[in-house]
């Protein structure tokens, strides 16, 4: 069990991607006190990496707000988490929303991203909200440990996918649509042990700002969320056990967030309440001050 100082028990998953159903405790995707307000009624949303972690929570909150939701997950490796997410989305969906979809796809490749977009449009007719959230990270103590294969793999998942999905989705997005990208606090403060990961997250910040300027005349808003440490499968599949036991201790709040504490930022950016936001990054990070 965790000591008094530890927020969660020390644990590690040896295979990537991490599995939410194997975590102790299970991350909290929903806050029972959350008050939905029909903010996304009639919208169609696609969330990559929606089977677990922040992505799952975003899917749930979008469904609560009336959206029809589709999400991607890693085929074969994330089937259990994806089925759990799909089952809960079916419970949460609004009466006039269409049935949710889980789409198995490695979004690091353009042809797979096109397939995902085509599937969503064929079933729902359009896309109003695109959340580029899928990501992977790997622990390393030196840049010398990071070879060409790993650099390409991490960049494919974490930033190439943003380009691929966006360019295919835009064909089906109208004025008033939104794109939300998942970056991270490490894009601003760096990380000596997640070097390739934080490099991709920095790229996402620049991608968000540039794309927002490019699309503003089309009426499509582009923003991002830079979360601090969050209790997700990404953590337990990456970091040593001793780091997991004290996850979030570096924040002013002294703890990691639960996914449901991050998801409302996505709801805000997806809704008309953020109509004057584009090219911006929200920072739910427990008090970590960044020069944003």
Protein backbone atom coordinates (compact mmCIF):
# COMPACT_ATOMS: atom_id res chain seq x y z
CA UNK A 1 0.00 0.00 0.00
CA UNK A 2 1.04 3.62 -0.43
CA UNK A 3 2.81 5.31 2.47
CA UNK A 4 1.33 8.46 3.99
CA UNK A 5 3.40 10.61 1.63
CA UNK A 6 2.56 8.58 -1.47
CA UNK A 7 -0.56 9.41 -3.43
CA UNK A 8 -0.70 6.02 -5.19
CA UNK A 9 0.99 2.66 -4.64
CA UNK A 10 4.29 2.09 -6.42
CA UNK A 11 3.57 0.16 -9.63
CA UNK A 12 4.77 -0.33 -13.16
CA UNK A 13 3.43 -1.83 -16.36
CA UNK A 14 6.14 -3.41 -18.48
CA UNK A 15 4.34 -3.11 -21.83
CA UNK A 16 3.26 -0.06 -23.79
CA UNK A 17 0.69 1.28 -24.25
CA UNK A 18 -0.39 1.26 -20.60
CA UNK A 19 -3.70 -0.34 -19.61
CA UNK A 20 -6.12 1.65 -17.49
CA UNK A 21 -7.95 -1.42 -16.17
CA UNK A 22 -4.72 -2.68 -14.57
CA UNK A 23 -3.99 0.51 -12.62
CA UNK A 24 -4.34 0.83 -8.84
CA UNK A 25 -6.35 2.90 -8.22
CA UNK A 26 -8.29 3.24 -11.48
CA UNK A 27 -8.07 6.83 -12.78
CA UNK A 28 -11.21 8.86 -12.20
CA UNK A 29 -12.70 9.83 -15.56
CA UNK A 30 -15.89 11.37 -14.17
CA UNK A 31 -16.57 13.76 -11.32
CA UNK A 32 -19.96 12.90 -9.78
CA UNK A 33 -20.50 16.61 -9.08
CA UNK A 34 -20.00 17.66 -12.72
CA UNK A 35 -22.96 19.69 -14.00
CA UNK A 36 -23.60 19.25 -17.70
CA UNK A 37 -25.25 22.11 -19.57
CA UNK A 38 -25.84 20.83 -23.12
CA UNK A 39 -22.81 22.81 -24.34
CA UNK A 40 -22.07 20.47 -27.25
CA UNK A 41 -25.56 19.42 -28.24
CA UNK A 42 -25.71 18.15 -31.82
CA UNK A 43 -21.93 18.23 -32.31
CA UNK A 44 -19.82 15.38 -33.68
CA UNK A 45 -16.48 14.85 -31.93
CA UNK A 46 -13.46 12.66 -32.68
CA UNK A 47 -10.96 12.06 -29.87
CA UNK A 48 -7.74 10.17 -30.60
CA UNK A 49 -6.44 8.02 -27.77
CA UNK A 50 -9.90 8.07 -26.22
CA UNK A 51 -9.85 4.64 -24.63
CA UNK A 52 -8.11 5.72 -21.41
CA UNK A 53 -6.61 8.56 -19.41
CA UNK A 54 -7.39 12.14 -20.40
CA UNK A 55 -8.87 10.99 -23.71
CA UNK A 56 -11.44 8.76 -22.01
CA UNK A 57 -12.47 11.56 -19.67
CA UNK A 58 -12.81 13.98 -22.58
CA UNK A 59 -15.04 11.48 -24.40
CA UNK A 60 -17.26 11.08 -21.34
CA UNK A 61 -17.60 14.82 -20.79
CA UNK A 62 -18.34 15.46 -24.46
CA UNK A 63 -21.07 12.81 -24.32
CA UNK A 64 -22.53 14.38 -21.18
CA UNK A 65 -22.65 17.70 -23.03
CA UNK A 66 -24.70 16.17 -25.85
CA UNK A 67 -22.07 15.36 -28.48
CA UNK A 68 -21.89 12.26 -30.63
CA UNK A 69 -18.46 10.78 -29.87
CA UNK A 70 -15.96 8.65 -31.77
CA UNK A 71 -12.52 7.76 -30.48
CA UNK A 72 -9.42 5.89 -31.61
CA UNK A 73 -7.32 3.35 -29.75
CA UNK A 74 -4.32 1.12 -30.47
CA UNK A 75 -5.64 -2.05 -32.15
CA UNK A 76 -5.31 -5.32 -30.21
CA UNK A 77 -3.32 -3.73 -27.38
CA UNK A 78 -6.09 -1.50 -25.99
CA UNK A 79 -9.18 -3.58 -26.74
CA UNK A 80 -10.29 -4.01 -23.11
CA UNK A 81 -10.04 -0.31 -22.24
CA UNK A 82 -11.75 0.61 -25.52
CA UNK A 83 -14.69 -1.72 -24.83
CA UNK A 84 -15.05 -0.29 -21.32
CA UNK A 85 -15.05 3.25 -22.72
CA UNK A 86 -17.57 2.41 -25.42
CA UNK A 87 -19.90 0.79 -22.90
CA UNK A 88 -19.84 3.85 -20.65
CA UNK A 89 -20.30 6.25 -23.57
CA UNK A 90 -23.43 4.35 -24.55
CA UNK A 91 -24.78 4.97 -21.04
CA UNK A 92 -23.85 8.65 -21.02
CA UNK A 93 -24.95 9.67 -24.51
CA UNK A 94 -27.81 12.08 -25.02
CA UNK A 95 -31.07 10.57 -26.27
CA UNK A 96 -30.72 12.27 -29.65
CA UNK A 97 -26.99 11.64 -30.10
CA UNK A 98 -25.86 8.84 -32.38
CA UNK A 99 -24.22 5.71 -31.02
CA UNK A 100 -20.52 6.17 -30.12
CA UNK A 101 -17.74 4.44 -32.06
CA UNK A 102 -14.34 3.07 -31.08
CA UNK A 103 -11.95 2.96 -34.04
CA UNK A 104 -8.79 0.81 -33.90
CA UNK A 105 -5.96 2.68 -35.66
CA UNK A 106 -2.27 3.51 -35.44
CA UNK A 107 -2.65 7.25 -36.06
CA UNK A 108 1.06 7.67 -36.77
CA UNK A 109 0.40 6.88 -40.44
CA UNK A 110 -1.48 9.02 -42.94
CA UNK A 111 -3.51 6.22 -44.51
CA UNK A 112 -4.83 5.17 -41.10
CA UNK A 113 -5.81 8.74 -40.26
CA UNK A 114 -7.70 9.06 -43.54
CA UNK A 115 -9.50 5.81 -42.77
CA UNK A 116 -10.53 7.11 -39.33
CA UNK A 117 -11.86 10.39 -40.73
CA UNK A 118 -13.70 8.61 -43.54
CA UNK A 119 -15.32 6.24 -41.02
CA UNK A 120 -16.50 9.09 -38.82
CA UNK A 121 -17.90 11.07 -41.75
CA UNK A 122 -19.56 8.02 -43.31
CA UNK A 123 -21.37 7.34 -40.03
CA UNK A 124 -22.06 10.85 -38.76
CA UNK A 125 -21.90 13.07 -41.83
CA UNK A 126 -19.30 15.55 -40.55
CA UNK A 127 -16.81 16.44 -37.83
CA UNK A 128 -17.30 19.48 -35.60
CA UNK A 129 -14.64 18.82 -32.96
CA UNK A 130 -11.26 17.15 -33.49
CA UNK A 131 -9.18 16.36 -30.40
CA UNK A 132 -5.62 15.34 -31.27
CA UNK A 133 -4.79 13.55 -28.04
CA UNK A 134 -3.05 10.23 -28.79
CA UNK A 135 0.50 10.13 -27.43
CA UNK A 136 3.28 7.88 -26.26
CA UNK A 137 6.34 8.50 -24.11
CA UNK A 138 9.45 6.57 -23.09
CA UNK A 139 11.82 7.02 -20.18
CA UNK A 140 15.53 7.53 -20.84
CA UNK A 141 18.37 9.04 -18.81
CA UNK A 142 20.47 10.16 -21.80
CA UNK A 143 19.94 11.40 -25.35
CA UNK A 144 22.40 8.68 -26.39
CA UNK A 145 19.78 6.06 -25.57
CA UNK A 146 17.30 7.49 -28.07
CA UNK A 147 17.84 5.95 -31.49
CA UNK A 148 16.37 6.84 -34.88
CA UNK A 149 13.63 4.23 -34.67
CA UNK A 150 12.33 5.55 -31.36
CA UNK A 151 12.49 9.21 -32.39
CA UNK A 152 10.45 8.44 -35.49
CA UNK A 153 7.94 6.34 -33.54
CA UNK A 154 7.32 9.00 -30.88
CA UNK A 155 7.08 11.82 -33.43
CA UNK A 156 4.70 9.76 -35.58
CA UNK A 157 2.26 9.21 -32.75
CA UNK A 158 2.58 12.57 -31.02
CA UNK A 159 2.82 15.15 -33.83
CA UNK A 160 2.71 13.54 -37.29
CA UNK A 161 -0.82 12.35 -36.42
CA UNK A 162 -1.89 15.95 -35.76
CA UNK A 163 -0.94 16.92 -39.32
CA UNK A 164 -2.54 13.86 -40.90
CA UNK A 165 -5.83 13.96 -39.01
CA UNK A 166 -6.23 17.71 -39.34
CA UNK A 167 -5.73 17.82 -43.08
CA UNK A 168 -8.27 15.04 -43.66
CA UNK A 169 -10.76 16.36 -41.10
CA UNK A 170 -10.77 19.91 -42.44
CA UNK A 171 -12.51 18.76 -45.61
CA UNK A 172 -15.55 18.01 -43.43
CA UNK A 173 -15.38 20.87 -40.90
CA UNK A 174 -17.48 24.00 -41.26
CA UNK A 175 -17.26 27.46 -39.76
CA UNK A 176 -17.58 27.16 -35.99
CA UNK A 177 -15.67 23.88 -35.81
CA UNK A 178 -12.83 23.46 -33.35
CA UNK A 179 -9.52 21.62 -33.12
CA UNK A 180 -7.98 20.92 -29.71
CA UNK A 181 -4.45 19.55 -29.35
CA UNK A 182 -3.05 17.85 -26.25
CA UNK A 183 0.34 19.26 -25.36
CA UNK A 184 1.95 19.15 -21.88
CA UNK A 185 3.56 21.22 -19.16
CA UNK A 186 6.89 19.65 -20.19
CA UNK A 187 6.69 21.62 -23.46
CA UNK A 188 7.42 24.65 -21.27
CA UNK A 189 9.55 23.32 -18.40
CA UNK A 190 11.32 20.47 -20.22
CA UNK A 191 12.09 16.98 -18.93
CA UNK A 192 15.54 15.36 -18.73
CA UNK A 193 14.05 11.84 -18.83
CA UNK A 194 11.31 12.37 -21.46
CA UNK A 195 13.39 14.23 -24.03
CA UNK A 196 11.74 13.03 -27.25
CA UNK A 197 8.28 13.29 -25.69
CA UNK A 198 8.74 16.88 -24.53
CA UNK A 199 10.20 17.78 -27.96
CA UNK A 200 6.96 16.62 -29.60
CA UNK A 201 4.88 18.53 -27.06
CA UNK A 202 6.81 21.70 -27.87
CA UNK A 203 6.11 21.07 -31.54
CA UNK A 204 2.39 20.79 -30.74
CA UNK A 205 2.41 24.26 -29.16
CA UNK A 206 3.91 25.75 -32.32
CA UNK A 207 1.59 23.70 -34.53
CA UNK A 208 -1.41 25.02 -32.57
CA UNK A 209 -0.35 28.65 -32.91
CA UNK A 210 0.47 28.41 -36.61
CA UNK A 211 -2.64 26.43 -37.55
CA UNK A 212 -4.86 28.85 -35.61
CA UNK A 213 -3.54 31.74 -37.71
CA UNK A 214 -4.00 29.73 -40.89
CA UNK A 215 -7.62 28.77 -40.17
CA UNK A 216 -8.96 31.89 -38.47
CA UNK A 217 -10.48 33.24 -41.70
CA UNK A 218 -12.29 29.92 -42.21
CA UNK A 219 -13.89 30.26 -38.79
CA UNK A 220 -12.18 27.16 -37.39
CA UNK A 221 -10.61 27.72 -33.97
CA UNK A 222 -7.48 25.86 -32.85
CA UNK A 223 -6.35 25.64 -29.23
CA UNK A 224 -4.48 23.29 -26.91
CA UNK A 225 -4.38 21.97 -23.35
CA UNK A 226 -1.06 21.61 -21.51
CA UNK A 227 -1.79 19.38 -18.53
CA UNK A 228 0.58 18.87 -15.65
CA UNK A 229 1.10 15.38 -14.15
CA UNK A 230 -2.09 13.31 -14.45
CA UNK A 231 -2.87 9.81 -13.17
CA UNK A 232 -3.04 7.93 -16.49
CA UNK A 233 -1.73 4.68 -18.05
CA UNK A 234 0.95 6.71 -19.85
CA UNK A 235 2.65 7.23 -16.48
CA UNK A 236 2.75 3.66 -15.22
CA UNK A 237 3.96 2.28 -18.56
CA UNK A 238 6.84 4.76 -18.67
CA UNK A 239 8.27 5.75 -15.32
CA UNK A 240 10.11 3.78 -12.62
CA UNK A 241 8.03 2.58 -9.65
CA UNK A 242 9.63 5.02 -7.24
CA UNK A 243 8.58 7.96 -9.42
CA UNK A 244 5.01 6.68 -9.73
CA UNK A 245 4.74 6.57 -5.95
CA UNK A 246 5.34 10.32 -5.75
CA UNK A 247 3.73 11.44 -9.00
CA UNK A 248 2.66 15.07 -8.92
CA UNK A 249 4.74 15.93 -5.87
CA UNK A 250 6.59 18.57 -7.92
CA UNK A 251 3.42 20.64 -8.32
CA UNK A 252 2.38 23.33 -5.86
CA UNK A 253 -0.70 21.25 -5.06
CA UNK A 254 1.59 18.31 -4.31
CA UNK A 255 -0.38 15.72 -6.27
CA UNK A 256 -1.26 14.48 -9.73
CA UNK A 257 -4.57 15.42 -11.31
CA UNK A 258 -7.33 12.98 -12.00
CA UNK A 259 -8.41 12.96 -15.68
CA UNK A 260 -11.79 14.50 -14.79
CA UNK A 261 -9.93 17.60 -13.57
CA UNK A 262 -8.45 18.12 -17.05
CA UNK A 263 -11.40 17.27 -19.31
CA UNK A 264 -13.46 20.43 -18.57
CA UNK A 265 -10.74 22.48 -20.28
CA UNK A 266 -11.51 20.55 -23.47
CA UNK A 267 -15.23 21.10 -23.01
CA UNK A 268 -14.64 24.84 -22.71
CA UNK A 269 -12.45 24.98 -25.83
CA UNK A 270 -14.92 22.84 -27.80
CA UNK A 271 -17.93 24.97 -26.86
CA UNK A 272 -19.10 28.39 -27.99
CA UNK A 273 -18.13 29.76 -24.59
CA UNK A 274 -14.55 29.97 -25.88
CA UNK A 275 -15.55 31.79 -29.07
CA UNK A 276 -12.77 34.40 -28.65
CA UNK A 277 -10.06 31.78 -28.05
CA UNK A 278 -7.78 30.63 -30.85
CA UNK A 279 -4.08 29.85 -30.87
CA UNK A 280 -4.19 29.59 -27.06
CA UNK A 281 -3.09 26.98 -24.52
CA UNK A 282 -4.89 26.24 -21.26
CA UNK A 283 -2.71 25.13 -18.32
CA UNK A 284 -4.41 22.83 -15.76
CA UNK A 285 -1.19 21.91 -13.98
CA UNK A 286 -1.61 22.19 -10.22
CA UNK A 287 0.17 25.53 -9.90
CA UNK A 288 3.28 24.97 -12.03
CA UNK A 289 4.13 28.47 -13.30
CA UNK A 290 5.13 28.51 -16.95
CA UNK A 291 5.99 31.33 -19.33
CA UNK A 292 3.13 30.65 -21.70
